[in-house]
Amino acid sequence: MILTDCYYFEKAGKAQTRRDCLFSTQSYTPLESCRKGESLWVYIMDNCFTSAGRKAESDLAISVRGGFFFSSIFLGDIERPQLGFGDAKGTEDALLFCVGDESLMVFVARGMKENQRTLFSLLLDADEALVGEMKGLAELAAGRKIEKGFWERFGL
């Protein structure tokens, strides 16, 4: 198993950039340490405040409660702009992202930072094993079966 953690966020009310966590494995310390009580949220926005963003290398950025930078999101394929990759600041962990208009799904591959582009290539190719792992981990996090339509918004 390559992926270890899953977090799903959706737009919160009228907020433009805030996404609240609706379900997760509750097992990834860099995100769990940002919980306030039972609540966890992130902000997703254009990346203009990191060196990768200023150099136009990454497309989006995620910050956590308190405005702390968590990860850049690189959207590497013009035909599938809802899929991306990155790494968690201060870790050796790779991240895979499914980005919707009002949603964000984050998958963690601990210790795989050096392989993040390879993982992203597998995601773009809809590798059966990787996508199956993503779906299984998401269902584990949600505590229920996730319908096919949910995945279609991300092209999976």
Protein backbone atom coordinates (compact mmCIF):
# COMPACT_ATOMS: atom_id res chain seq x y z
CA MET A 1 0.00 0.00 0.00
CA ILE A 2 1.49 3.32 -1.10
CA LEU A 3 -1.11 5.77 0.20
CA THR A 4 -1.50 6.14 3.95
CA ASP A 5 -3.95 8.99 4.58
CA CYS A 6 -6.96 10.66 2.97
CA TYR A 7 -8.65 14.02 3.63
CA TYR A 8 -11.73 15.39 1.87
CA PHE A 9 -12.64 19.08 2.07
CA GLU A 10 -15.59 21.07 0.68
CA LYS A 11 -16.32 24.77 0.36
CA ALA A 12 -17.65 26.29 3.56
CA GLY A 13 -20.65 28.57 3.10
CA LYS A 14 -19.86 31.86 1.39
CA ALA A 15 -16.11 31.63 1.96
CA GLN A 16 -14.19 31.82 -1.30
CA THR A 17 -11.06 29.94 -0.31
CA ARG A 18 -11.91 28.00 2.87
CA ARG A 19 -12.58 24.27 2.63
CA ASP A 20 -13.87 22.33 5.66
CA CYS A 21 -12.91 18.70 6.23
CA LEU A 22 -15.95 16.44 5.85
CA PHE A 23 -14.15 13.15 6.30
CA SER A 24 -10.63 11.87 6.81
CA THR A 25 -8.55 9.03 8.15
CA GLN A 26 -7.59 11.40 11.02
CA SER A 27 -4.11 9.95 10.93
CA TYR A 28 -1.78 12.54 9.36
CA THR A 29 -0.10 14.62 12.06
CA PRO A 30 0.76 17.65 9.88
CA LEU A 31 -2.97 18.16 9.28
CA GLU A 32 -4.32 16.77 12.55
CA SER A 33 -2.19 19.24 14.52
CA CYS A 34 -4.22 22.02 12.85
CA ARG A 35 -7.58 20.82 14.16
CA LYS A 36 -9.50 23.16 16.39
CA GLY A 37 -11.71 20.90 18.49
CA GLU A 38 -13.46 18.67 15.98
CA SER A 39 -12.98 21.14 13.10
CA LEU A 40 -10.30 21.05 10.45
CA TRP A 41 -10.15 23.41 7.51
CA VAL A 42 -7.71 24.59 4.89
CA TYR A 43 -7.51 27.50 2.51
CA ILE A 44 -6.84 26.88 -1.18
CA MET A 45 -5.77 29.77 -3.38
CA ASP A 46 -3.55 30.88 -6.22
CA ASN A 47 0.05 30.44 -5.22
CA CYS A 48 1.62 33.87 -5.16
CA PHE A 49 3.31 33.78 -1.76
CA THR A 50 5.86 30.98 -2.10
CA SER A 51 8.98 30.92 -4.22
CA ALA A 52 7.41 28.18 -6.38
CA GLY A 53 4.37 30.38 -6.89
CA ARG A 54 6.35 33.51 -7.69
CA LYS A 55 8.35 31.57 -10.27
CA ALA A 56 5.03 30.32 -11.76
CA GLU A 57 6.08 26.75 -11.04
CA SER A 58 3.03 25.79 -9.00
CA ASP A 59 -0.60 26.57 -9.64
CA LEU A 60 -2.25 26.60 -6.22
CA ALA A 61 -1.29 26.65 -2.56
CA ILE A 62 -2.85 25.26 0.58
CA SER A 63 -2.53 26.97 3.92
CA VAL A 64 -3.88 25.72 7.23
CA ARG A 65 -5.41 27.34 10.31
CA GLY A 66 -3.34 30.32 11.31
CA GLY A 67 -2.32 31.02 7.71
CA PHE A 68 0.60 28.61 7.74
CA PHE A 69 1.72 27.26 4.36
CA PHE A 70 1.09 23.52 3.96
CA SER A 71 1.76 22.66 0.30
CA SER A 72 1.93 23.90 -3.25
CA ILE A 73 -0.27 22.13 -5.77
CA PHE A 74 1.21 21.44 -9.18
CA LEU A 75 -1.43 20.79 -11.83
CA GLY A 76 0.67 18.99 -14.40
CA ASP A 77 -1.73 18.11 -17.20
CA ILE A 78 -3.80 20.53 -19.23
CA GLU A 79 -6.30 17.82 -20.14
CA ARG A 80 -6.87 16.79 -16.50
CA PRO A 81 -6.53 20.01 -14.51
CA GLN A 82 -8.40 18.55 -11.55
CA LEU A 83 -5.45 16.30 -10.66
CA GLY A 84 -2.28 17.52 -8.99
CA PHE A 85 0.67 16.69 -6.78
CA GLY A 86 2.90 18.28 -4.17
CA ASP A 87 4.57 17.61 -0.86
CA ALA A 88 3.85 18.60 2.71
CA LYS A 89 6.18 21.32 3.97
CA GLY A 90 8.77 20.04 6.41
CA THR A 91 8.18 16.35 5.62
CA GLU A 92 9.36 13.69 3.19
CA ASP A 93 5.78 12.95 2.18
CA ALA A 94 4.26 13.13 -1.30
CA LEU A 95 0.72 14.39 -1.80
CA LEU A 96 -1.77 13.68 -4.57
CA PHE A 97 -4.66 16.09 -5.04
CA CYS A 98 -8.08 15.90 -6.63
CA VAL A 99 -9.28 19.48 -7.02
CA GLY A 100 -12.91 20.35 -7.75
CA ASP A 101 -14.59 23.74 -8.05
CA GLU A 102 -15.68 23.56 -4.42
CA SER A 103 -13.83 20.50 -3.15
CA LEU A 104 -10.36 19.17 -2.46
CA MET A 105 -9.22 15.63 -1.77
CA VAL A 106 -5.72 15.03 -0.42
CA PHE A 107 -3.96 11.67 -0.44
CA VAL A 108 -0.69 11.19 1.44
CA ALA A 109 2.15 8.83 0.53
CA ARG A 110 4.47 8.99 3.53
CA GLY A 111 8.19 9.04 2.80
CA MET A 112 7.56 9.23 -0.97
CA LYS A 113 8.50 12.88 -1.64
CA GLU A 114 11.19 11.85 -4.11
CA ASN A 115 8.60 9.83 -6.05
CA GLN A 116 5.84 12.42 -6.23
CA ARG A 117 6.09 12.89 -10.02
CA THR A 118 6.03 9.13 -10.56
CA LEU A 119 2.92 8.83 -8.39
CA PHE A 120 1.34 11.68 -10.33
CA SER A 121 2.12 9.92 -13.62
CA LEU A 122 0.37 6.82 -12.31
CA LEU A 123 -2.61 8.97 -11.34
CA LEU A 124 -2.77 10.60 -14.77
CA ASP A 125 -2.66 7.15 -16.36
CA ALA A 126 -5.52 6.10 -14.04
CA ASP A 127 -3.37 3.21 -12.83
CA GLU A 128 -5.84 0.61 -11.62
CA ALA A 129 -3.94 -0.25 -8.45
CA LEU A 130 -3.38 3.38 -7.40
CA VAL A 131 -6.94 4.52 -8.16
CA GLY A 132 -8.30 1.45 -6.37
CA GLU A 133 -6.17 2.31 -3.36
CA MET A 134 -7.44 5.91 -3.43
CA LYS A 135 -11.06 4.79 -3.56
CA GLY A 136 -10.59 2.24 -0.79
CA LEU A 137 -8.84 4.73 1.47
CA ALA A 138 -11.55 7.35 0.84
CA GLU A 139 -14.29 4.85 1.71
CA LEU A 140 -12.42 3.89 4.87
CA ALA A 141 -12.16 7.59 5.81
CA ALA A 142 -15.82 8.26 5.00
CA GLY A 143 -17.01 5.11 6.75
CA ARG A 144 -19.27 4.27 3.81
CA LYS A 145 -19.37 3.32 0.15
CA ILE A 146 -18.73 6.31 -2.12
CA GLU A 147 -20.86 6.45 -5.25
CA LYS A 148 -19.35 6.51 -8.73
CA GLY A 149 -20.55 10.07 -9.42
CA PHE A 150 -18.34 11.37 -6.63
CA TRP A 151 -15.21 10.24 -8.50
CA GLU A 152 -16.36 11.45 -11.92
CA ARG A 153 -15.93 15.09 -10.88
CA PHE A 154 -12.22 14.33 -10.59
CA GLY A 155 -12.08 12.32 -13.82
CA LEU A 156 -11.52 9.01 -11.99
